PDB file of N, CA and C in Angstrom:
ATOM      1  N   MET A   1     -17.485   9.226  -2.685  1.00  0.00           N
ATOM      2  CA  MET A   1     -18.091   9.587  -1.243  1.00  0.00           C
ATOM      3  C   MET A   1     -17.843   8.103  -0.485  1.00  0.00           C
ATOM      4  N   LYS A   2     -17.594   8.197   0.842  1.00  0.00           N
ATOM      5  CA  LYS A   2     -16.790   7.431   1.450  1.00  0.00           C
ATOM      6  C   LYS A   2     -18.578   6.605   1.919  1.00  0.00           C
ATOM      7  N   VAL A   3     -18.362   5.075   2.539  1.00  0.00           N
ATOM      8  CA  VAL A   3     -19.451   4.290   2.859  1.00  0.00           C
ATOM      9  C   VAL A   3     -18.741   3.564   3.574  1.00  0.00           C
ATOM     10  N   SER A   4     -18.959   2.895   4.296  1.00  0.00           N
ATOM     11  CA  SER A   4     -18.884   1.289   5.029  1.00  0.00           C
ATOM     12  C   SER A   4     -19.684   0.038   4.601  1.00  0.00           C
ATOM     13  N   VAL A   5     -19.319  -0.737   4.359  1.00  0.00           N
ATOM     14  CA  VAL A   5     -19.483  -2.105   4.436  1.00  0.00           C
ATOM     15  C   VAL A   5     -19.356  -3.231   5.663  1.00  0.00           C
ATOM     16  N   VAL A   6     -20.520  -3.737   6.160  1.00  0.00           N
ATOM     17  CA  VAL A   6     -19.824  -4.900   7.474  1.00  0.00           C
ATOM     18  C   VAL A   6     -20.331  -5.857   7.464  1.00  0.00           C
ATOM     19  N   TYR A   7     -19.877  -7.270   7.976  1.00  0.00           N
ATOM     20  CA  TYR A   7     -20.713  -8.464   7.866  1.00  0.00           C
ATOM     21  C   TYR A   7     -19.693  -8.755   8.983  1.00  0.00           C
ATOM     22  N   ALA A   8     -20.765  -9.860   9.656  1.00  0.00           N
ATOM     23  CA  ALA A   8     -20.644 -10.694  10.893  1.00  0.00           C
ATOM     24  C   ALA A   8     -21.044 -11.945  10.593  1.00  0.00           C
ATOM     25  N   GLY A   9     -20.121 -12.374  10.106  1.00  0.00           N
ATOM     26  CA  GLY A   9     -20.178 -14.090   9.921  1.00  0.00           C
ATOM     27  C   GLY A   9     -20.143 -14.957  11.314  1.00  0.00           C
ATOM     28  N   SER A  10     -20.345 -15.923  10.926  1.00  0.00           N
ATOM     29  CA  SER A  10     -19.843 -17.031  12.159  1.00  0.00           C
ATOM     30  C   SER A  10     -18.338 -17.368  13.191  1.00  0.00           C
ATOM     31  N   HIS A  11     -18.090 -16.967  11.466  1.00  0.00           N
ATOM     32  CA  HIS A  11     -16.392 -16.794  12.113  1.00  0.00           C
ATOM     33  C   HIS A  11     -15.227 -15.959  11.587  1.00  0.00           C
ATOM     34  N   ASN A  12     -15.913 -15.030  10.434  1.00  0.00           N
ATOM     35  CA  ASN A  12     -15.430 -14.122  10.132  1.00  0.00           C
ATOM     36  C   ASN A  12     -16.136 -12.537  10.275  1.00  0.00           C
ATOM     37  N   GLN A  13     -15.967 -11.357  10.588  1.00  0.00           N
ATOM     38  CA  GLN A  13     -16.035  -9.907  10.406  1.00  0.00           C
ATOM     39  C   GLN A  13     -15.196  -9.298   9.469  1.00  0.00           C
ATOM     40  N   ALA A  14     -16.116  -8.070   9.155  1.00  0.00           N
ATOM     41  CA  ALA A  14     -15.314  -7.172   8.160  1.00  0.00           C
ATOM     42  C   ALA A  14     -15.998  -6.290   8.423  1.00  0.00           C
ATOM     43  N   TRP A  15     -15.197  -5.005   8.437  1.00  0.00           N
ATOM     44  CA  TRP A  15     -15.795  -3.507   8.298  1.00  0.00           C
ATOM     45  C   TRP A  15     -14.652  -2.944   7.597  1.00  0.00           C
ATOM     46  N   VAL A  16     -15.410  -2.677   6.475  1.00  0.00           N
ATOM     47  CA  VAL A  16     -14.569  -1.897   5.531  1.00  0.00           C
ATOM     48  C   VAL A  16     -14.938  -0.730   5.185  1.00  0.00           C
ATOM     49  N   ASP A  17     -14.169   0.109   4.689  1.00  0.00           N
ATOM     50  CA  ASP A  17     -14.064   1.690   4.424  1.00  0.00           C
ATOM     51  C   ASP A  17     -13.882   1.454   2.731  1.00  0.00           C
ATOM     52  N   VAL A  18     -14.894   2.447   1.992  1.00  0.00           N
ATOM     53  CA  VAL A  18     -15.319   2.490   0.437  1.00  0.00           C
ATOM     54  C   VAL A  18     -15.236   3.550  -0.353  1.00  0.00           C
ATOM     55  N   ASP A  19     -14.495   3.792  -0.954  1.00  0.00           N
ATOM     56  CA  ASP A  19     -15.374   4.930  -1.600  1.00  0.00           C
ATOM     57  C   ASP A  19     -15.708   4.222  -3.000  1.00  0.00           C
ATOM     58  N   VAL A  20     -17.091   4.950  -3.156  1.00  0.00           N
ATOM     59  CA  VAL A  20     -17.734   5.170  -4.137  1.00  0.00           C
ATOM     60  C   VAL A  20     -18.362   6.332  -4.695  1.00  0.00           C
ATOM     61  N   ASP A  21     -18.794   5.961  -6.143  1.00  0.00           N
ATOM     62  CA  ASP A  21     -19.345   7.769  -6.782  1.00  0.00           C
ATOM     63  C   ASP A  21     -20.848   7.900  -6.066  1.00  0.00           C
ATOM     64  N   SER A  22     -20.905   9.044  -6.568  1.00  0.00           N
ATOM     65  CA  SER A  22     -21.674   9.464  -5.176  1.00  0.00           C
ATOM     66  C   SER A  22     -23.164   9.484  -6.023  1.00  0.00           C
ATOM     67  N   GLU A  23     -23.370   8.374  -6.930  1.00  0.00           N
ATOM     68  CA  GLU A  23     -24.597   7.815  -7.364  1.00  0.00           C
ATOM     69  C   GLU A  23     -24.845   6.401  -7.094  1.00  0.00           C
ATOM     70  N   ALA A  24     -23.601   5.998  -6.360  1.00  0.00           N
ATOM     71  CA  ALA A  24     -23.405   4.555  -6.389  1.00  0.00           C
ATOM     72  C   ALA A  24     -24.640   3.754  -5.393  1.00  0.00           C
ATOM     73  N   THR A  25     -25.093   2.422  -5.482  1.00  0.00           N
ATOM     74  CA  THR A  25     -25.890   1.887  -4.777  1.00  0.00           C
ATOM     75  C   THR A  25     -25.262   1.063  -4.292  1.00  0.00           C
ATOM     76  N   VAL A  26     -25.945   0.987  -2.821  1.00  0.00           N
ATOM     77  CA  VAL A  26     -25.688  -0.688  -1.897  1.00  0.00           C
ATOM     78  C   VAL A  26     -24.802  -1.828  -2.712  1.00  0.00           C
ATOM     79  N   GLU A  27     -25.189  -1.995  -4.063  1.00  0.00           N
ATOM     80  CA  GLU A  27     -24.596  -3.359  -4.454  1.00  0.00           C
ATOM     81  C   GLU A  27     -23.591  -3.208  -4.933  1.00  0.00           C
ATOM     82  N   GLU A  28     -23.226  -1.824  -5.555  1.00  0.00           N
ATOM     83  CA  GLU A  28     -22.057  -1.538  -5.963  1.00  0.00           C
ATOM     84  C   GLU A  28     -20.985  -1.517  -4.998  1.00  0.00           C
ATOM     85  N   ALA A  29     -21.497  -0.608  -3.652  1.00  0.00           N
ATOM     86  CA  ALA A  29     -20.347  -0.928  -2.514  1.00  0.00           C
ATOM     87  C   ALA A  29     -20.108  -1.870  -2.108  1.00  0.00           C
ATOM     88  N   ILE A  30     -20.831  -3.275  -1.899  1.00  0.00           N
ATOM     89  CA  ILE A  30     -20.506  -4.410  -1.757  1.00  0.00           C
ATOM     90  C   ILE A  30     -19.893  -4.848  -2.909  1.00  0.00           C
ATOM     91  N   GLN A  31     -19.758  -4.935  -3.905  1.00  0.00           N
ATOM     92  CA  GLN A  31     -19.446  -5.158  -4.850  1.00  0.00           C
ATOM     93  C   GLN A  31     -17.513  -4.836  -4.877  1.00  0.00           C
ATOM     94  N   ARG A  32     -17.323  -3.382  -4.938  1.00  0.00           N
ATOM     95  CA  ARG A  32     -16.536  -2.785  -4.410  1.00  0.00           C
ATOM     96  C   ARG A  32     -15.425  -3.264  -3.419  1.00  0.00           C
ATOM     97  N   CYS A  33     -16.406  -3.315  -2.039  1.00  0.00           N
ATOM     98  CA  CYS A  33     -15.298  -3.879  -0.941  1.00  0.00           C
ATOM     99  C   CYS A  33     -14.283  -4.589  -1.076  1.00  0.00           C
ATOM    100  N   GLY A  34     -14.636  -5.835  -1.816  1.00  0.00           N
ATOM    101  CA  GLY A  34     -13.708  -6.766  -1.624  1.00  0.00           C
ATOM    102  C   GLY A  34     -14.207  -7.799  -1.302  1.00  0.00           C
ATOM    103  N   LEU A  35     -15.416  -7.868   0.354  1.00  0.00           N
ATOM    104  CA  LEU A  35     -15.576  -8.867   0.886  1.00  0.00           C
ATOM    105  C   LEU A  35     -16.609  -9.836   0.530  1.00  0.00           C
ATOM    106  N   LEU A  36     -16.815  -9.788  -0.954  1.00  0.00           N
ATOM    107  CA  LEU A  36     -17.553 -10.715  -2.040  1.00  0.00           C
ATOM    108  C   LEU A  36     -16.071 -12.147  -2.689  1.00  0.00           C
ATOM    109  N   GLU A  37     -15.540 -11.971  -2.777  1.00  0.00           N
ATOM    110  CA  GLU A  37     -14.375 -12.272  -3.161  1.00  0.00           C
ATOM    111  C   GLU A  37     -13.449 -13.303  -1.824  1.00  0.00           C
ATOM    112  N   LYS A  38     -13.138 -12.258  -0.443  1.00  0.00           N
ATOM    113  CA  LYS A  38     -12.750 -12.893   1.056  1.00  0.00           C
ATOM    114  C   LYS A  38     -13.272 -13.927   1.446  1.00  0.00           C
ATOM    115  N   MET A  39     -14.831 -13.638   1.214  1.00  0.00           N
ATOM    116  CA  MET A  39     -16.303 -14.391   2.836  1.00  0.00           C
ATOM    117  C   MET A  39     -16.757 -15.165   1.719  1.00  0.00           C
ATOM    118  N   PRO A  40     -16.864 -16.306   0.490  1.00  0.00           N
ATOM    119  CA  PRO A  40     -17.684 -17.099  -0.672  1.00  0.00           C
ATOM    120  C   PRO A  40     -19.005 -17.309   0.768  1.00  0.00           C
ATOM    121  N   GLU A  41     -19.097 -17.273   1.599  1.00  0.00           N
ATOM    122  CA  GLU A  41     -20.642 -17.589   2.012  1.00  0.00           C
ATOM    123  C   GLU A  41     -21.477 -16.585   2.066  1.00  0.00           C
ATOM    124  N   ILE A  42     -21.177 -15.017   1.544  1.00  0.00           N
ATOM    125  CA  ILE A  42     -21.791 -14.024   1.739  1.00  0.00           C
ATOM    126  C   ILE A  42     -23.044 -14.377  -0.332  1.00  0.00           C
ATOM    127  N   ASP A  43     -23.814 -14.355   0.419  1.00  0.00           N
ATOM    128  CA  ASP A  43     -24.749 -14.408  -0.837  1.00  0.00           C
ATOM    129  C   ASP A  43     -25.510 -13.175  -0.747  1.00  0.00           C
ATOM    130  N   THR A  44     -25.883 -12.105  -1.584  1.00  0.00           N
ATOM    131  CA  THR A  44     -26.783 -11.089  -1.686  1.00  0.00           C
ATOM    132  C   THR A  44     -27.772 -11.441  -2.078  1.00  0.00           C
ATOM    133  N   ARG A  45     -28.058 -12.343  -2.743  1.00  0.00           N
ATOM    134  CA  ARG A  45     -29.348 -12.762  -3.379  1.00  0.00           C
ATOM    135  C   ARG A  45     -29.806 -13.509  -2.439  1.00  0.00           C
ATOM    136  N   THR A  46     -30.166 -13.851  -1.559  1.00  0.00           N
ATOM    137  CA  THR A  46     -30.576 -14.776  -0.327  1.00  0.00           C
ATOM    138  C   THR A  46     -30.504 -14.015   0.894  1.00  0.00           C
ATOM    139  N   MET A  47     -28.974 -13.143   1.354  1.00  0.00           N
ATOM    140  CA  MET A  47     -28.553 -12.529   2.737  1.00  0.00           C
ATOM    141  C   MET A  47     -30.012 -10.752   2.336  1.00  0.00           C
ATOM    142  N   LYS A  48     -30.206 -10.868   3.801  1.00  0.00           N
ATOM    143  CA  LYS A  48     -30.839  -9.303   4.340  1.00  0.00           C
ATOM    144  C   LYS A  48     -29.369  -8.283   4.406  1.00  0.00           C
ATOM    145  N   ILE A  49     -30.340  -7.010   3.799  1.00  0.00           N
ATOM    146  CA  ILE A  49     -29.011  -6.005   3.459  1.00  0.00           C
ATOM    147  C   ILE A  49     -29.974  -4.992   4.312  1.00  0.00           C
ATOM    148  N   GLY A  50     -28.818  -4.411   4.950  1.00  0.00           N
ATOM    149  CA  GLY A  50     -29.401  -2.668   5.715  1.00  0.00           C
ATOM    150  C   GLY A  50     -28.510  -1.631   5.939  1.00  0.00           C
ATOM    151  N   ILE A  51     -29.434  -0.734   6.051  1.00  0.00           N
ATOM    152  CA  ILE A  51     -28.701   0.456   5.794  1.00  0.00           C
ATOM    153  C   ILE A  51     -28.853   1.426   7.712  1.00  0.00           C
ATOM    154  N   PHE A  52     -27.523   1.074   8.302  1.00  0.00           N
ATOM    155  CA  PHE A  52     -28.003   1.662   9.912  1.00  0.00           C
ATOM    156  C   PHE A  52     -28.935   0.841  10.267  1.00  0.00           C
ATOM    157  N   GLY A  53     -28.963  -0.479  10.110  1.00  0.00           N
ATOM    158  CA  GLY A  53     -30.034  -1.407  11.238  1.00  0.00           C
ATOM    159  C   GLY A  53     -31.435  -1.658  10.188  1.00  0.00           C
ATOM    160  N   LYS A  54     -31.644  -0.981   9.047  1.00  0.00           N
ATOM    161  CA  LYS A  54     -33.035  -0.364   8.239  1.00  0.00           C
ATOM    162  C   LYS A  54     -32.915  -1.311   7.082  1.00  0.00           C
ATOM    163  N   PHE A  55     -33.598  -2.619   7.111  1.00  0.00           N
ATOM    164  CA  PHE A  55     -33.211  -3.440   5.753  1.00  0.00           C
ATOM    165  C   PHE A  55     -33.998  -2.494   4.645  1.00  0.00           C
ATOM    166  N   THR A  56     -33.141  -2.661   3.293  1.00  0.00           N
ATOM    167  CA  THR A  56     -32.686  -2.239   2.012  1.00  0.00           C
ATOM    168  C   THR A  56     -32.627  -2.935   1.164  1.00  0.00           C
ATOM    169  N   THR A  57     -32.599  -2.562  -0.461  1.00  0.00           N
ATOM    170  CA  THR A  57     -32.595  -3.530  -1.599  1.00  0.00           C
ATOM    171  C   THR A  57     -31.433  -2.804  -1.708  1.00  0.00           C
ATOM    172  N   LEU A  58     -30.521  -3.516  -2.967  1.00  0.00           N
ATOM    173  CA  LEU A  58     -29.191  -3.515  -3.022  1.00  0.00           C
ATOM    174  C   LEU A  58     -29.075  -2.519  -4.404  1.00  0.00           C
ATOM    175  N   LYS A  59     -30.639  -2.043  -4.767  1.00  0.00           N
ATOM    176  CA  LYS A  59     -30.842  -1.041  -5.590  1.00  0.00           C
ATOM    177  C   LYS A  59     -30.876   0.496  -5.113  1.00  0.00           C
ATOM    178  N   GLN A  60     -30.790   0.221  -3.619  1.00  0.00           N
ATOM    179  CA  GLN A  60     -30.814   1.684  -2.985  1.00  0.00           C
ATOM    180  C   GLN A  60     -29.788   2.597  -3.019  1.00  0.00           C
ATOM    181  N   ALA A  61     -29.842   3.897  -3.304  1.00  0.00           N
ATOM    182  CA  ALA A  61     -28.932   4.426  -3.650  1.00  0.00           C
ATOM    183  C   ALA A  61     -28.042   5.116  -2.137  1.00  0.00           C
ATOM    184  N   LEU A  62     -26.713   5.384  -1.597  1.00  0.00           N
ATOM    185  CA  LEU A  62     -26.007   5.568  -0.723  1.00  0.00           C
ATOM    186  C   LEU A  62     -26.023   7.215  -0.625  1.00  0.00           C
ATOM    187  N   LYS A  63     -25.729   7.481   0.531  1.00  0.00           N
ATOM    188  CA  LYS A  63     -25.306   8.623   1.272  1.00  0.00           C
ATOM    189  C   LYS A  63     -23.981   8.716   2.004  1.00  0.00           C
ATOM    190  N   GLU A  64     -23.399   9.592   1.669  1.00  0.00           N
ATOM    191  CA  GLU A  64     -21.916   9.825   2.330  1.00  0.00           C
ATOM    192  C   GLU A  64     -22.054   9.298   4.049  1.00  0.00           C
ATOM    193  N   GLY A  65     -21.578   9.014   4.572  1.00  0.00           N
ATOM    194  CA  GLY A  65     -21.104   7.961   5.309  1.00  0.00           C
ATOM    195  C   GLY A  65     -22.166   6.936   5.757  1.00  0.00           C
ATOM    196  N   ASP A  66     -23.125   6.427   4.684  1.00  0.00           N
ATOM    197  CA  ASP A  66     -23.648   5.159   5.163  1.00  0.00           C
ATOM    198  C   ASP A  66     -22.985   3.768   5.626  1.00  0.00           C
ATOM    199  N   ARG A  67     -23.656   3.380   6.499  1.00  0.00           N
ATOM    200  CA  ARG A  67     -23.276   1.844   6.625  1.00  0.00           C
ATOM    201  C   ARG A  67     -23.680   0.734   6.153  1.00  0.00           C
ATOM    202  N   VAL A  68     -23.468  -0.069   5.150  1.00  0.00           N
ATOM    203  CA  VAL A  68     -24.063  -0.668   4.387  1.00  0.00           C
ATOM    204  C   VAL A  68     -23.987  -2.217   5.526  1.00  0.00           C
ATOM    205  N   GLU A  69     -25.150  -2.718   5.854  1.00  0.00           N
ATOM    206  CA  GLU A  69     -24.828  -4.398   6.468  1.00  0.00           C
ATOM    207  C   GLU A  69     -25.469  -5.111   5.965  1.00  0.00           C
ATOM    208  N   ILE A  70     -24.323  -6.547   6.105  1.00  0.00           N
ATOM    209  CA  ILE A  70     -24.473  -7.528   5.305  1.00  0.00           C
ATOM    210  C   ILE A  70     -25.105  -8.755   6.882  1.00  0.00           C
ATOM    211  N   TYR A  71     -25.918  -8.716   6.351  1.00  0.00           N
ATOM    212  CA  TYR A  71     -26.899  -9.992   7.595  1.00  0.00           C
ATOM    213  C   TYR A  71     -27.004 -11.579   7.393  1.00  0.00           C
ATOM    214  N   ARG A  72     -26.054 -12.162   8.480  1.00  0.00           N
ATOM    215  CA  ARG A  72     -26.293 -13.394   8.019  1.00  0.00           C
ATOM    216  C   ARG A  72     -27.928 -14.095   8.694  1.00  0.00           C
ATOM    217  N   ARG A  73     -27.898 -15.614   8.327  1.00  0.00           N
ATOM    218  CA  ARG A  73     -29.168 -15.986   9.088  1.00  0.00           C
ATOM    219  C   ARG A  73     -28.709 -16.632  10.318  1.00  0.00           C
ATOM    220  N   ILE A  74     -29.523 -16.618  11.395  1.00  0.00           N
ATOM    221  CA  ILE A  74     -29.501 -16.822  13.318  1.00  0.00           C
ATOM    222  C   ILE A  74     -30.637 -17.700  12.617  1.00  0.00           C
ATOM    223  N   THR A  75     -29.832 -18.781  13.692  1.00  0.00           N
ATOM    224  CA  THR A  75     -30.435 -20.241  13.671  1.00  0.00           C
ATOM    225  C   THR A  75     -30.393 -19.845  15.222  1.00  0.00           C
ATOM    226  N   ARG A  76     -31.683 -20.211  15.636  1.00  0.00           N
ATOM    227  CA  ARG A  76     -31.987 -20.290  17.088  1.00  0.00           C
ATOM    228  C   ARG A  76     -31.793 -21.541  17.528  1.00  0.00           C
ATOM    229  N   VAL A  77     -31.153 -21.829  18.387  1.00  0.00           N
ATOM    230  CA  VAL A  77     -30.724 -22.991  19.229  1.00  0.00           C
ATOM    231  C   VAL A  77     -31.637 -23.160  20.948  1.00  0.00           C
ATOM    232  N   LEU A  78     -32.109 -24.474  20.814  1.00  0.00           N
ATOM    233  CA  LEU A  78     -32.719 -24.191  22.113  1.00  0.00           C
ATOM    234  C   LEU A  78     -31.674 -25.024  23.011  1.00  0.00           C
ATOM    235  N   ASP A  79     -32.325 -24.129  24.519  1.00  0.00           N
ATOM    236  CA  ASP A  79     -31.383 -25.193  25.435  1.00  0.00           C
ATOM    237  C   ASP A  79     -32.015 -25.952  26.247  1.00  0.00           C
ATOM    238  N   GLU A  80     -30.775 -27.352  26.372  1.00  0.00           N
ATOM    239  CA  GLU A  80     -31.642 -28.568  26.115  1.00  0.00           C
ATOM    240  C   GLU A  80     -31.750 -28.516  27.899  1.00  0.00           C
ATOM    241  N   ASP A  81     -31.016 -27.325  28.912  1.00  0.00           N
ATOM    242  CA  ASP A  81     -30.837 -27.549  30.134  1.00  0.00           C
ATOM    243  C   ASP A  81     -32.632 -26.980  30.602  1.00  0.00           C
ATOM    244  N   ASP A  82     -33.151 -26.484  29.842  1.00  0.00           N
ATOM    245  CA  ASP A  82     -34.612 -25.624  29.823  1.00  0.00           C
ATOM    246  C   ASP A  82     -35.340 -27.547  30.759  1.00  0.00           C
ATOM    247  N   ASP A  83     -35.473 -28.325  29.953  1.00  0.00           N
ATOM    248  CA  ASP A  83     -35.705 -29.458  30.425  1.00  0.00           C
ATOM    249  C   ASP A  83     -35.385 -30.179  31.709  1.00  0.00           C
ATOM    250  N   ASP A  84     -34.285 -29.420  32.529  1.00  0.00           N
ATOM    251  CA  ASP A  84     -33.965 -29.724  33.745  1.00  0.00           C
ATOM    252  C   ASP A  84     -34.658 -29.325  34.553  1.00  0.00           C
ATOM    253  N   ASP A  85     -35.807 -28.404  34.715  1.00  0.00           N
ATOM    254  CA  ASP A  85     -36.941 -27.527  35.451  1.00  0.00           C
ATOM    255  C   ASP A  85     -37.817 -27.989  35.519  1.00  0.00           C
ATOM    256  N   ASP A  86     -38.276 -28.827  35.243  1.00  0.00           N
ATOM    257  CA  ASP A  86     -39.289 -29.702  35.171  1.00  0.00           C
ATOM    258  C   ASP A  86     -39.469 -30.997  36.197  1.00  0.00           C
ATOM    259  N   ASP A  87     -38.014 -31.197  36.657  1.00  0.00           N
ATOM    260  CA  ASP A  87     -37.950 -32.612  38.083  1.00  0.00           C
ATOM    261  C   ASP A  87     -38.062 -32.078  38.865  1.00  0.00           C
TER     262      ASP A  87
END
């Protein structure tokens, strides 16, 4: 069956269609798609994973057409310009 694995890093983005067995898990799709070799910053042990925007586990079974999403950590940066409003 065909599924997609997507990742949007701070410097790299990827969308990979991958063929997996009908009983494949999220983890198997990520391993098979090749992103772990191309983007060493991906660490599935610490990063959140989802399917179509909903968090899931690496052991979740996949369905035809699923989009596996690897979420990078987002760091909030406070805008220093907010302090100028007090003048």
